Amino acid sequence: MKMITAKERERLQNQMKRDESKIVNIVLQNAQQVAGEIEKATHQGIYMTDGRYYGYEDIKEINGAL
């Protein structure tokens, strides 16, 4: 598993704080792709508006409002 660095995590969080749409496509480490709207990003991971949660250790790539 690829762990993202604290710097990468901070960059993602700062970018997601913009007032733009928070609809994103997330590619997970297992190559599964999911899409949805981000409710919030914390130091642990990303919470989606529909209740899903993805930890940073499970995320390979995020595309969308970045």
C-alpha atoms as a PDB file:
ATOM      1  CA  MET A   1       0.000   0.000   0.000  1.00  0.00           C
ATOM      2  CA  LYS A   2       1.222   3.456  -0.841  1.00  0.00           C
ATOM      3  CA  MET A   3       0.859   5.892   2.016  1.00  0.00           C
ATOM      4  CA  ILE A   4       0.444   9.537   1.132  1.00  0.00           C
ATOM      5  CA  THR A   5       2.698  11.970   2.880  1.00  0.00           C
ATOM      6  CA  ALA A   6       1.532  14.627   5.294  1.00  0.00           C
ATOM      7  CA  LYS A   7       2.357  17.225   2.646  1.00  0.00           C
ATOM      8  CA  GLU A   8       0.187  15.464   0.027  1.00  0.00           C
ATOM      9  CA  ARG A   9      -2.648  15.116   2.541  1.00  0.00           C
ATOM     10  CA  GLU A  10      -2.451  18.822   3.409  1.00  0.00           C
ATOM     11  CA  ARG A  11      -2.484  19.733  -0.289  1.00  0.00           C
ATOM     12  CA  LEU A  12      -5.576  17.618  -0.884  1.00  0.00           C
ATOM     13  CA  GLN A  13      -7.359  19.090   2.119  1.00  0.00           C
ATOM     14  CA  ASN A  14      -6.538  22.658   1.103  1.00  0.00           C
ATOM     15  CA  GLN A  15      -7.723  22.070  -2.430  1.00  0.00           C
ATOM     16  CA  MET A  16     -10.979  20.523  -1.235  1.00  0.00           C
ATOM     17  CA  LYS A  17     -11.726  23.561   0.948  1.00  0.00           C
ATOM     18  CA  ARG A  18     -12.362  25.663  -2.166  1.00  0.00           C
ATOM     19  CA  ASP A  19     -15.892  26.799  -2.904  1.00  0.00           C
ATOM     20  CA  GLU A  20     -15.996  24.728  -6.095  1.00  0.00           C
ATOM     21  CA  SER A  21     -18.080  21.589  -6.548  1.00  0.00           C
ATOM     22  CA  LYS A  22     -16.936  18.797  -4.314  1.00  0.00           C
ATOM     23  CA  ILE A  23     -17.965  16.031  -6.734  1.00  0.00           C
ATOM     24  CA  VAL A  24     -14.992  13.719  -7.168  1.00  0.00           C
ATOM     25  CA  ASN A  25     -13.977  10.405  -8.655  1.00  0.00           C
ATOM     26  CA  ILE A  26     -11.775   8.386  -6.307  1.00  0.00           C
ATOM     27  CA  VAL A  27      -9.550   5.558  -7.509  1.00  0.00           C
ATOM     28  CA  LEU A  28      -8.840   3.151  -4.671  1.00  0.00           C
ATOM     29  CA  GLN A  29      -5.687   1.073  -4.209  1.00  0.00           C
ATOM     30  CA  ASN A  30      -7.600  -2.023  -5.402  1.00  0.00           C
ATOM     31  CA  ALA A  31      -8.376  -0.203  -8.723  1.00  0.00           C
ATOM     32  CA  GLN A  32     -12.054   0.225  -7.792  1.00  0.00           C
ATOM     33  CA  GLN A  33     -13.439   3.626  -8.772  1.00  0.00           C
ATOM     34  CA  VAL A  34     -16.096   5.449  -6.778  1.00  0.00           C
ATOM     35  CA  ALA A  35     -17.707   8.827  -7.307  1.00  0.00           C
ATOM     36  CA  GLY A  36     -19.618  11.179  -5.080  1.00  0.00           C
ATOM     37  CA  GLU A  37     -19.692  14.452  -3.243  1.00  0.00           C
ATOM     38  CA  ILE A  38     -17.237  15.124  -0.456  1.00  0.00           C
ATOM     39  CA  GLU A  39     -18.758  16.227   2.829  1.00  0.00           C
ATOM     40  CA  LYS A  40     -15.445  16.800   4.589  1.00  0.00           C
ATOM     41  CA  ALA A  41     -11.817  15.791   4.584  1.00  0.00           C
ATOM     42  CA  THR A  42     -10.046  15.171   7.871  1.00  0.00           C
ATOM     43  CA  HIS A  43      -6.551  14.098   8.823  1.00  0.00           C
ATOM     44  CA  GLN A  44      -7.796  10.475   8.644  1.00  0.00           C
ATOM     45  CA  GLY A  45      -9.627  10.412   5.343  1.00  0.00           C
ATOM     46  CA  ILE A  46     -12.507  11.621   3.229  1.00  0.00           C
ATOM     47  CA  TYR A  47     -16.163  11.507   4.257  1.00  0.00           C
ATOM     48  CA  MET A  48     -18.748  11.475   1.489  1.00  0.00           C
ATOM     49  CA  THR A  49     -22.215  13.060   1.761  1.00  0.00           C
ATOM     50  CA  ASP A  50     -23.855   9.626   1.438  1.00  0.00           C
ATOM     51  CA  GLY A  51     -22.021   8.299   4.509  1.00  0.00           C
ATOM     52  CA  ARG A  52     -19.153   6.493   2.817  1.00  0.00           C
ATOM     53  CA  TYR A  53     -15.666   6.950   4.244  1.00  0.00           C
ATOM     54  CA  TYR A  54     -12.316   6.404   2.530  1.00  0.00           C
ATOM     55  CA  GLY A  55      -9.069   6.458   4.476  1.00  0.00           C
ATOM     56  CA  TYR A  56      -6.083   8.046   2.757  1.00  0.00           C
ATOM     57  CA  GLU A  57      -4.232   4.717   2.872  1.00  0.00           C
ATOM     58  CA  ASP A  58      -6.957   3.242   0.615  1.00  0.00           C
ATOM     59  CA  ILE A  59      -6.903   6.078  -1.939  1.00  0.00           C
ATOM     60  CA  LYS A  60      -4.643   5.930  -4.968  1.00  0.00           C
ATOM     61  CA  GLU A  61      -5.931   9.009  -6.810  1.00  0.00           C
ATOM     62  CA  ILE A  62      -8.610  11.693  -6.532  1.00  0.00           C
ATOM     63  CA  ASN A  63      -9.976  13.449  -9.611  1.00  0.00           C
ATOM     64  CA  GLY A  64     -12.486  16.245  -9.618  1.00  0.00           C
ATOM     65  CA  ALA A  65     -12.536  19.406  -7.546  1.00  0.00           C
ATOM     66  CA  LEU A  66      -8.799  19.490  -7.061  1.00  0.00           C
END
